[in-house]
Amino acid sequence: MKKFTKGLALSEQRESKGFTLIELLIVIALLGALAAGLLAAIDPFEQLKKGSDTSIRGQAESFYNASIAYYAQRNSLPSSITVQADGWSAALTSAVGSAAISELAGAGELKSDFYILAGVTKLAQIVVSKPTNEKIVVCYQPQSKAFRNDQYTKYNSTGLTAAACPSGTSSLCFQCFQ
């Protein structure tokens, strides 16, 4: 004798024990689309550039503040940086920049291991110029879009306002402390 349960056929009595292949593929596709959208919105390379720019800006500001403190105590800027009126600038990794770091560290205005802590690659992106005996200009060139489009990215490497900045695309735009 065949047993029927309240009018349902045997084939309709099976229990569902999992997802079908189509359901799984749809969920995976949706998750993939969400992940791709999130990754595009976050832009990890831009975030890395922003972090690097923030670090370089901090090093440039530290050097500038140390130079100003040095000036306040001695009534002159570091002697290793000479006055130049022709748009001259030198990277902090150059002989002039290294001598200035040593001079400021020797005076106690910078940590003695500033050069090591800051790192050669970051210091190479910071330029310093001294247009007069009472003025020092410390600049760096931002790499991230956010910093390039910032209202303070409007100078050339010697601290003069550049006409093309802030366009965000010009490779000649710097942020400066002066």
C-alpha atoms as a PDB file:
ATOM      1  CA  MET A   1       0.000   0.000   0.000  1.00  0.00           C
ATOM      2  CA  LYS A   2       1.324   3.375  -0.984  1.00  0.00           C
ATOM      3  CA  LYS A   3       1.467   6.048   1.615  1.00  0.00           C
ATOM      4  CA  PHE A   4       0.486   9.597   0.676  1.00  0.00           C
ATOM      5  CA  THR A   5       0.711  12.562   2.929  1.00  0.00           C
ATOM      6  CA  LYS A   6      -2.258  14.832   2.678  1.00  0.00           C
ATOM      7  CA  GLY A   7      -2.392  14.975  -1.077  1.00  0.00           C
ATOM      8  CA  LEU A   8       1.318  15.634  -1.853  1.00  0.00           C
ATOM      9  CA  ALA A   9       3.148  13.436  -4.272  1.00  0.00           C
ATOM     10  CA  LEU A  10       6.358  11.707  -3.205  1.00  0.00           C
ATOM     11  CA  SER A  11       8.501  13.961  -5.416  1.00  0.00           C
ATOM     12  CA  GLU A  12       7.142  17.049  -3.677  1.00  0.00           C
ATOM     13  CA  GLN A  13       7.978  15.799  -0.188  1.00  0.00           C
ATOM     14  CA  ARG A  14      11.766  16.163  -0.491  1.00  0.00           C
ATOM     15  CA  GLU A  15      13.405  18.646   1.849  1.00  0.00           C
ATOM     16  CA  SER A  16      15.723  21.333   0.532  1.00  0.00           C
ATOM     17  CA  LYS A  17      19.164  20.770   2.101  1.00  0.00           C
ATOM     18  CA  GLY A  18      21.232  23.488   0.398  1.00  0.00           C
ATOM     19  CA  PHE A  19      21.480  26.203  -2.197  1.00  0.00           C
ATOM     20  CA  THR A  20      21.348  25.622  -5.890  1.00  0.00           C
ATOM     21  CA  LEU A  21      24.328  26.434  -8.060  1.00  0.00           C
ATOM     22  CA  ILE A  22      22.514  29.404  -9.594  1.00  0.00           C
ATOM     23  CA  GLU A  23      21.792  30.898  -6.167  1.00  0.00           C
ATOM     24  CA  LEU A  24      25.420  30.570  -5.135  1.00  0.00           C
ATOM     25  CA  LEU A  25      26.670  32.157  -8.365  1.00  0.00           C
ATOM     26  CA  ILE A  26      24.310  35.112  -7.954  1.00  0.00           C
ATOM     27  CA  VAL A  27      25.484  35.739  -4.377  1.00  0.00           C
ATOM     28  CA  ILE A  28      29.156  35.472  -5.383  1.00  0.00           C
ATOM     29  CA  ALA A  29      28.609  37.895  -8.288  1.00  0.00           C
ATOM     30  CA  LEU A  30      26.878  40.410  -6.018  1.00  0.00           C
ATOM     31  CA  LEU A  31      29.637  40.210  -3.418  1.00  0.00           C
ATOM     32  CA  GLY A  32      32.266  40.630  -6.123  1.00  0.00           C
ATOM     33  CA  ALA A  33      30.523  43.729  -7.505  1.00  0.00           C
ATOM     34  CA  LEU A  34      30.285  45.238  -4.012  1.00  0.00           C
ATOM     35  CA  ALA A  35      33.957  44.502  -3.325  1.00  0.00           C
ATOM     36  CA  ALA A  36      35.020  46.052  -6.649  1.00  0.00           C
ATOM     37  CA  GLY A  37      32.951  49.165  -5.941  1.00  0.00           C
ATOM     38  CA  LEU A  38      34.381  49.498  -2.456  1.00  0.00           C
ATOM     39  CA  LEU A  39      37.933  49.053  -3.704  1.00  0.00           C
ATOM     40  CA  ALA A  40      37.397  51.742  -6.358  1.00  0.00           C
ATOM     41  CA  ALA A  41      35.951  54.124  -3.767  1.00  0.00           C
ATOM     42  CA  ILE A  42      38.809  53.616  -1.305  1.00  0.00           C
ATOM     43  CA  ASP A  43      41.646  53.665  -3.877  1.00  0.00           C
ATOM     44  CA  PRO A  44      44.418  52.119  -1.752  1.00  0.00           C
ATOM     45  CA  PHE A  45      47.246  53.610  -3.839  1.00  0.00           C
ATOM     46  CA  GLU A  46      45.883  57.109  -3.269  1.00  0.00           C
ATOM     47  CA  GLN A  47      45.685  56.356   0.459  1.00  0.00           C
ATOM     48  CA  LEU A  48      49.342  55.272   0.455  1.00  0.00           C
ATOM     49  CA  LYS A  49      50.336  58.487  -1.340  1.00  0.00           C
ATOM     50  CA  LYS A  50      48.356  60.560   1.172  1.00  0.00           C
ATOM     51  CA  GLY A  51      50.148  58.833   4.039  1.00  0.00           C
ATOM     52  CA  SER A  52      53.511  59.464   2.430  1.00  0.00           C
ATOM     53  CA  ASP A  53      52.650  63.130   1.780  1.00  0.00           C
ATOM     54  CA  THR A  54      51.569  63.561   5.392  1.00  0.00           C
ATOM     55  CA  SER A  55      54.861  62.111   6.596  1.00  0.00           C
ATOM     56  CA  ILE A  56      56.949  64.265   4.258  1.00  0.00           C
ATOM     57  CA  ARG A  57      54.978  67.372   5.227  1.00  0.00           C
ATOM     58  CA  GLY A  58      55.707  66.589   8.888  1.00  0.00           C
ATOM     59  CA  GLN A  59      59.442  66.286   8.207  1.00  0.00           C
ATOM     60  CA  ALA A  60      59.465  69.536   6.201  1.00  0.00           C
ATOM     61  CA  GLU A  61      57.585  71.331   8.962  1.00  0.00           C
ATOM     62  CA  SER A  62      59.985  69.978  11.595  1.00  0.00           C
ATOM     63  CA  PHE A  63      62.985  71.243   9.631  1.00  0.00           C
ATOM     64  CA  TYR A  64      61.329  74.641   9.103  1.00  0.00           C
ATOM     65  CA  ASN A  65      60.380  74.996  12.780  1.00  0.00           C
ATOM     66  CA  ALA A  66      63.890  73.993  13.861  1.00  0.00           C
ATOM     67  CA  SER A  67      65.329  76.638  11.533  1.00  0.00           C
ATOM     68  CA  ILE A  68      63.013  79.301  12.968  1.00  0.00           C
ATOM     69  CA  ALA A  69      63.917  78.286  16.546  1.00  0.00           C
ATOM     70  CA  TYR A  70      67.606  78.425  15.564  1.00  0.00           C
ATOM     71  CA  TYR A  71      67.044  81.927  14.151  1.00  0.00           C
ATOM     72  CA  ALA A  72      65.224  83.039  17.312  1.00  0.00           C
ATOM     73  CA  GLN A  73      68.207  82.047  19.489  1.00  0.00           C
ATOM     74  CA  ARG A  74      71.084  83.118  17.247  1.00  0.00           C
ATOM     75  CA  ASN A  75      69.564  85.873  15.105  1.00  0.00           C
ATOM     76  CA  SER A  76      70.682  84.033  11.965  1.00  0.00           C
ATOM     77  CA  LEU A  77      69.643  81.000   9.981  1.00  0.00           C
ATOM     78  CA  PRO A  78      71.951  77.970   9.651  1.00  0.00           C
ATOM     79  CA  SER A  79      75.173  79.106   7.960  1.00  0.00           C
ATOM     80  CA  SER A  80      75.342  75.970   5.816  1.00  0.00           C
ATOM     81  CA  ILE A  81      72.409  77.336   3.801  1.00  0.00           C
ATOM     82  CA  THR A  82      73.668  80.346   1.880  1.00  0.00           C
ATOM     83  CA  VAL A  83      71.594  83.209   0.519  1.00  0.00           C
ATOM     84  CA  GLN A  84      70.647  82.706  -3.111  1.00  0.00           C
ATOM     85  CA  ALA A  85      68.438  85.072  -5.094  1.00  0.00           C
ATOM     86  CA  ASP A  86      68.363  83.117  -8.352  1.00  0.00           C
ATOM     87  CA  GLY A  87      65.711  80.549  -7.478  1.00  0.00           C
ATOM     88  CA  TRP A  88      68.203  78.086  -6.007  1.00  0.00           C
ATOM     89  CA  SER A  89      66.982  75.240  -3.842  1.00  0.00           C
ATOM     90  CA  ALA A  90      68.650  72.115  -2.476  1.00  0.00           C
ATOM     91  CA  ALA A  91      67.230  68.819  -1.305  1.00  0.00           C
ATOM     92  CA  LEU A  92      67.758  67.900   2.324  1.00  0.00           C
ATOM     93  CA  THR A  93      69.783  64.907   1.125  1.00  0.00           C
ATOM     94  CA  SER A  94      72.282  67.157  -0.677  1.00  0.00           C
ATOM     95  CA  ALA A  95      75.511  68.289   0.968  1.00  0.00           C
ATOM     96  CA  VAL A  96      73.891  71.625   1.872  1.00  0.00           C
ATOM     97  CA  GLY A  97      70.808  69.947   3.343  1.00  0.00           C
ATOM     98  CA  SER A  98      72.838  67.399   5.280  1.00  0.00           C
ATOM     99  CA  ALA A  99      75.061  70.127   6.697  1.00  0.00           C
ATOM    100  CA  ALA A 100      71.996  72.132   7.729  1.00  0.00           C
ATOM    101  CA  ILE A 101      70.493  69.083   9.467  1.00  0.00           C
ATOM    102  CA  SER A 102      73.784  68.495  11.286  1.00  0.00           C
ATOM    103  CA  GLU A 103      73.987  72.157  12.273  1.00  0.00           C
ATOM    104  CA  LEU A 104      70.409  72.199  13.600  1.00  0.00           C
ATOM    105  CA  ALA A 105      70.887  68.881  15.409  1.00  0.00           C
ATOM    106  CA  GLY A 106      74.146  70.126  16.950  1.00  0.00           C
ATOM    107  CA  ALA A 107      72.300  73.187  18.240  1.00  0.00           C
ATOM    108  CA  GLY A 108      69.615  70.974  19.775  1.00  0.00           C
ATOM    109  CA  GLU A 109      66.835  72.153  17.462  1.00  0.00           C
ATOM    110  CA  LEU A 110      66.477  68.771  15.721  1.00  0.00           C
ATOM    111  CA  LYS A 111      66.882  65.290  17.117  1.00  0.00           C
ATOM    112  CA  SER A 112      70.374  63.979  16.550  1.00  0.00           C
ATOM    113  CA  ASP A 113      68.984  61.058  14.518  1.00  0.00           C
ATOM    114  CA  PHE A 114      66.550  63.192  12.456  1.00  0.00           C
ATOM    115  CA  TYR A 115      68.269  62.181   9.220  1.00  0.00           C
ATOM    116  CA  ILE A 116      67.906  58.476  10.025  1.00  0.00           C
ATOM    117  CA  LEU A 117      64.364  58.709  11.408  1.00  0.00           C
ATOM    118  CA  ALA A 118      63.075  60.761   8.492  1.00  0.00           C
ATOM    119  CA  GLY A 119      64.612  58.479   5.893  1.00  0.00           C
ATOM    120  CA  VAL A 120      66.630  59.364   2.828  1.00  0.00           C
ATOM    121  CA  THR A 121      63.751  58.892   0.372  1.00  0.00           C
ATOM    122  CA  LYS A 122      61.518  61.337   2.246  1.00  0.00           C
ATOM    123  CA  LEU A 123      64.265  63.902   2.787  1.00  0.00           C
ATOM    124  CA  ALA A 124      65.150  63.756  -0.908  1.00  0.00           C
ATOM    125  CA  GLN A 125      61.680  65.138  -1.668  1.00  0.00           C
ATOM    126  CA  ILE A 126      62.119  68.167   0.596  1.00  0.00           C
ATOM    127  CA  VAL A 127      63.908  71.215  -0.794  1.00  0.00           C
ATOM    128  CA  VAL A 128      65.186  74.225   1.099  1.00  0.00           C
ATOM    129  CA  SER A 129      66.125  77.683  -0.132  1.00  0.00           C
ATOM    130  CA  LYS A 130      67.226  80.872   1.558  1.00  0.00           C
ATOM    131  CA  PRO A 131      66.300  83.971  -0.462  1.00  0.00           C
ATOM    132  CA  THR A 132      67.448  86.406   2.280  1.00  0.00           C
ATOM    133  CA  ASN A 133      69.329  86.236   5.577  1.00  0.00           C
ATOM    134  CA  GLU A 134      66.036  86.394   7.483  1.00  0.00           C
ATOM    135  CA  LYS A 135      63.969  84.008   5.376  1.00  0.00           C
ATOM    136  CA  ILE A 136      64.058  80.281   4.766  1.00  0.00           C
ATOM    137  CA  VAL A 137      61.705  78.364   2.491  1.00  0.00           C
ATOM    138  CA  VAL A 138      61.129  74.631   2.941  1.00  0.00           C
ATOM    139  CA  CYS A 139      59.026  72.933   0.232  1.00  0.00           C
ATOM    140  CA  TYR A 140      57.931  69.479  -0.865  1.00  0.00           C
ATOM    141  CA  GLN A 141      56.041  68.246  -3.891  1.00  0.00           C
ATOM    142  CA  PRO A 142      52.843  66.335  -3.021  1.00  0.00           C
ATOM    143  CA  GLN A 143      52.164  63.058  -4.801  1.00  0.00           C
ATOM    144  CA  SER A 144      48.521  62.392  -3.843  1.00  0.00           C
ATOM    145  CA  LYS A 145      45.606  63.985  -5.684  1.00  0.00           C
ATOM    146  CA  ALA A 146      44.187  65.364  -2.451  1.00  0.00           C
ATOM    147  CA  PHE A 147      47.407  67.197  -1.558  1.00  0.00           C
ATOM    148  CA  ARG A 148      48.030  68.376  -5.143  1.00  0.00           C
ATOM    149  CA  ASN A 149      44.531  69.925  -5.198  1.00  0.00           C
ATOM    150  CA  ASP A 150      45.001  71.524  -1.780  1.00  0.00           C
ATOM    151  CA  GLN A 151      44.813  75.307  -1.634  1.00  0.00           C
ATOM    152  CA  TYR A 152      48.328  75.441  -0.156  1.00  0.00           C
ATOM    153  CA  THR A 153      49.903  73.661  -3.142  1.00  0.00           C
ATOM    154  CA  LYS A 154      50.570  76.849  -5.029  1.00  0.00           C
ATOM    155  CA  TYR A 155      54.316  77.447  -5.043  1.00  0.00           C
ATOM    156  CA  ASN A 156      57.382  76.548  -7.062  1.00  0.00           C
ATOM    157  CA  SER A 157      60.368  74.915  -5.342  1.00  0.00           C
ATOM    158  CA  THR A 158      61.707  78.265  -4.121  1.00  0.00           C
ATOM    159  CA  GLY A 159      58.449  79.430  -2.518  1.00  0.00           C
ATOM    160  CA  LEU A 160      57.261  81.784  -5.241  1.00  0.00           C
ATOM    161  CA  THR A 161      53.605  81.531  -6.198  1.00  0.00           C
ATOM    162  CA  ALA A 162      53.221  79.556  -9.422  1.00  0.00           C
ATOM    163  CA  ALA A 163      50.470  80.547 -11.863  1.00  0.00           C
ATOM    164  CA  ALA A 164      49.422  76.999 -12.792  1.00  0.00           C
ATOM    165  CA  CYS A 165      48.740  75.897  -9.219  1.00  0.00           C
ATOM    166  CA  PRO A 166      46.653  74.372  -7.760  1.00  0.00           C
ATOM    167  CA  SER A 167      45.559  72.574 -10.908  1.00  0.00           C
ATOM    168  CA  GLY A 168      46.291  69.162  -9.457  1.00  0.00           C
ATOM    169  CA  THR A 169      48.126  68.063 -12.569  1.00  0.00           C
ATOM    170  CA  SER A 170      51.138  70.335 -12.683  1.00  0.00           C
ATOM    171  CA  SER A 171      54.359  68.618 -11.635  1.00  0.00           C
ATOM    172  CA  LEU A 172      55.830  71.994 -10.722  1.00  0.00           C
ATOM    173  CA  CYS A 173      53.554  72.702  -7.739  1.00  0.00           C
ATOM    174  CA  PHE A 174      54.867  72.524  -4.183  1.00  0.00           C
ATOM    175  CA  GLN A 175      53.614  73.108  -0.652  1.00  0.00           C
ATOM    176  CA  CYS A 176      55.959  75.402   1.219  1.00  0.00           C
ATOM    177  CA  PHE A 177      56.665  76.611   4.739  1.00  0.00           C
ATOM    178  CA  GLN A 178      57.991  80.154   4.760  1.00  0.00           C
END
